Amino acid sequence: MDQFSQDPFASSTEDAAHNRQDSRDSLFLMADFRVAGEKDARPVRVRNLSQGGLMAEFADGLPQGLRVEFDVRGIGWVPGQVAWSAAGRIGVAFDRQIDPKLARKPVGQGTHTPTFVKPILARPLR
């Protein structure tokens, strides 16, 4: 028997997919996705991220229990499995916990934000 419920909206205290004690960070983040063991990756939109998993937009849906991997910015490739798939979104339970705050860190290398100045153009005399 699967450890995940077939109904993503059903409530069960024993269902690992619905163990939502981890706080979720709502965000809009692009990540690369691939089925575990495959080389081809495709971009997906991540809608929320927690220590134990994520929710992503996935119009095609995926079979529950499918082994997948996500390349999350600031974290790297994280393996897991599809916990649920419904209404154009999937929920993934990670195999290991991550620090979701790392995905929010700036990607720039500089020590400060550059200042951009709009050029001052001379007005023609009348």
Protein backbone atom coordinates (compact mmCIF):
# COMPACT_ATOMS: atom_id res chain seq x y z
CA MET A 1 0.00 0.00 0.00
CA ASP A 2 1.25 3.50 -0.82
CA GLN A 3 2.19 5.77 2.04
CA PHE A 4 0.45 8.64 0.23
CA SER A 5 -3.26 9.20 -0.12
CA GLN A 6 -4.80 9.09 -3.61
CA ASP A 7 -6.95 12.14 -2.74
CA PRO A 8 -4.82 15.30 -2.35
CA PHE A 9 -7.61 17.03 -0.42
CA ALA A 10 -8.36 14.22 2.04
CA SER A 11 -7.22 14.71 5.61
CA SER A 12 -5.32 11.93 7.32
CA THR A 13 -3.08 12.24 10.33
CA GLU A 14 -0.97 9.29 9.19
CA ASP A 15 -0.41 10.55 5.64
CA ALA A 16 3.16 11.82 5.15
CA ALA A 17 2.05 14.02 2.23
CA HIS A 18 -0.24 15.93 4.54
CA ASN A 19 2.15 16.26 7.48
CA ARG A 20 2.31 20.02 7.14
CA GLN A 21 4.15 20.96 10.30
CA ASP A 22 6.86 22.67 8.25
CA SER A 23 6.12 26.29 7.48
CA ARG A 24 5.80 26.92 3.77
CA ASP A 25 7.36 29.91 2.06
CA SER A 26 5.04 31.21 -0.66
CA LEU A 27 7.06 32.43 -3.59
CA PHE A 28 7.41 32.44 -7.34
CA LEU A 29 10.62 30.67 -8.24
CA MET A 30 11.78 28.92 -11.37
CA ALA A 31 13.52 25.58 -10.90
CA ASP A 32 14.66 22.78 -13.15
CA PHE A 33 12.83 19.47 -12.89
CA ARG A 34 13.63 15.98 -14.10
CA VAL A 35 12.44 12.46 -13.47
CA ALA A 36 15.05 10.68 -11.32
CA GLY A 37 17.64 8.89 -13.43
CA GLU A 38 16.99 10.97 -16.55
CA LYS A 39 19.29 13.67 -17.93
CA ASP A 40 16.72 15.91 -19.59
CA ALA A 41 15.48 18.70 -17.31
CA ARG A 42 12.72 21.21 -17.89
CA PRO A 43 11.84 24.45 -16.11
CA VAL A 44 8.88 24.59 -13.72
CA ARG A 45 7.34 27.28 -11.55
CA VAL A 46 7.62 26.61 -7.82
CA ARG A 47 4.76 28.17 -5.84
CA ASN A 48 5.80 27.29 -2.31
CA LEU A 49 8.80 25.73 -0.65
CA SER A 50 9.38 24.23 2.77
CA GLN A 51 12.04 22.15 4.48
CA GLY A 52 10.27 18.97 3.47
CA GLY A 53 8.92 19.67 -0.01
CA LEU A 54 7.44 22.00 -2.59
CA MET A 55 4.40 22.71 -4.69
CA ALA A 56 4.96 23.40 -8.38
CA GLU A 57 2.83 24.15 -11.41
CA PHE A 58 2.70 21.11 -13.66
CA ALA A 59 -0.14 21.13 -16.17
CA ASP A 60 0.42 17.56 -17.37
CA GLY A 61 0.29 16.06 -13.89
CA LEU A 62 2.55 13.26 -12.70
CA PRO A 63 1.88 9.84 -11.20
CA GLN A 64 1.89 9.70 -7.43
CA GLY A 65 5.08 8.12 -6.06
CA LEU A 66 7.17 9.02 -9.14
CA ARG A 67 10.80 9.71 -8.17
CA VAL A 68 11.79 13.24 -9.22
CA GLU A 69 14.58 15.78 -8.71
CA PHE A 70 14.47 19.58 -8.57
CA ASP A 71 17.38 21.98 -9.05
CA VAL A 72 16.43 24.80 -6.70
CA ARG A 73 18.45 28.02 -6.87
CA GLY A 74 20.83 28.32 -3.92
CA ILE A 75 20.25 24.70 -2.89
CA GLY A 76 21.05 22.44 -5.85
CA TRP A 77 19.46 19.16 -6.93
CA VAL A 78 17.04 17.77 -4.34
CA PRO A 79 15.53 14.29 -4.78
CA GLY A 80 12.01 13.40 -3.72
CA GLN A 81 8.78 11.84 -4.86
CA VAL A 82 5.43 13.10 -6.07
CA ALA A 83 3.06 13.12 -3.09
CA TRP A 84 0.02 14.39 -5.00
CA SER A 85 -0.99 15.75 -8.40
CA ALA A 86 -4.17 17.75 -9.00
CA ALA A 87 -5.53 20.82 -10.80
CA GLY A 88 -2.32 21.57 -12.72
CA ARG A 89 -0.05 21.40 -9.67
CA ILE A 90 2.07 18.77 -7.97
CA GLY A 91 3.27 18.34 -4.43
CA VAL A 92 6.69 16.82 -3.86
CA ALA A 93 8.03 15.36 -0.61
CA PHE A 94 11.82 15.69 -0.43
CA ASP A 95 14.02 12.79 0.68
CA ARG A 96 15.96 15.13 2.96
CA GLN A 97 15.22 18.45 4.56
CA ILE A 98 16.53 21.66 3.00
CA ASP A 99 16.87 25.26 4.14
CA PRO A 100 14.26 27.07 2.00
CA LYS A 101 15.73 30.46 2.91
CA LEU A 102 18.75 29.66 0.74
CA ALA A 103 16.49 29.92 -2.32
CA ARG A 104 15.71 33.53 -1.42
CA LYS A 105 19.31 34.72 -1.13
CA PRO A 106 20.43 37.23 -3.77
CA VAL A 107 22.35 35.77 -6.68
CA GLY A 108 24.55 38.83 -7.34
CA GLN A 109 28.23 38.83 -6.42
CA GLY A 110 28.61 42.55 -5.68
CA THR A 111 28.73 44.18 -2.28
CA HIS A 112 26.19 46.86 -3.15
CA THR A 113 23.46 47.65 -5.63
CA PRO A 114 24.80 49.68 -8.57
CA THR A 115 23.51 53.19 -9.09
CA PHE A 116 22.12 53.88 -12.53
CA VAL A 117 21.74 57.49 -13.57
CA LYS A 118 19.55 58.69 -16.36
CA PRO A 119 21.60 60.94 -18.63
CA ILE A 120 20.80 64.64 -18.51
CA LEU A 121 19.99 65.86 -21.98
CA ALA A 122 20.32 69.53 -22.84
CA ARG A 123 17.15 71.25 -23.97
CA PRO A 124 17.25 73.15 -27.20
CA LEU A 125 17.03 76.92 -26.79
CA ARG A 126 13.93 78.61 -28.22
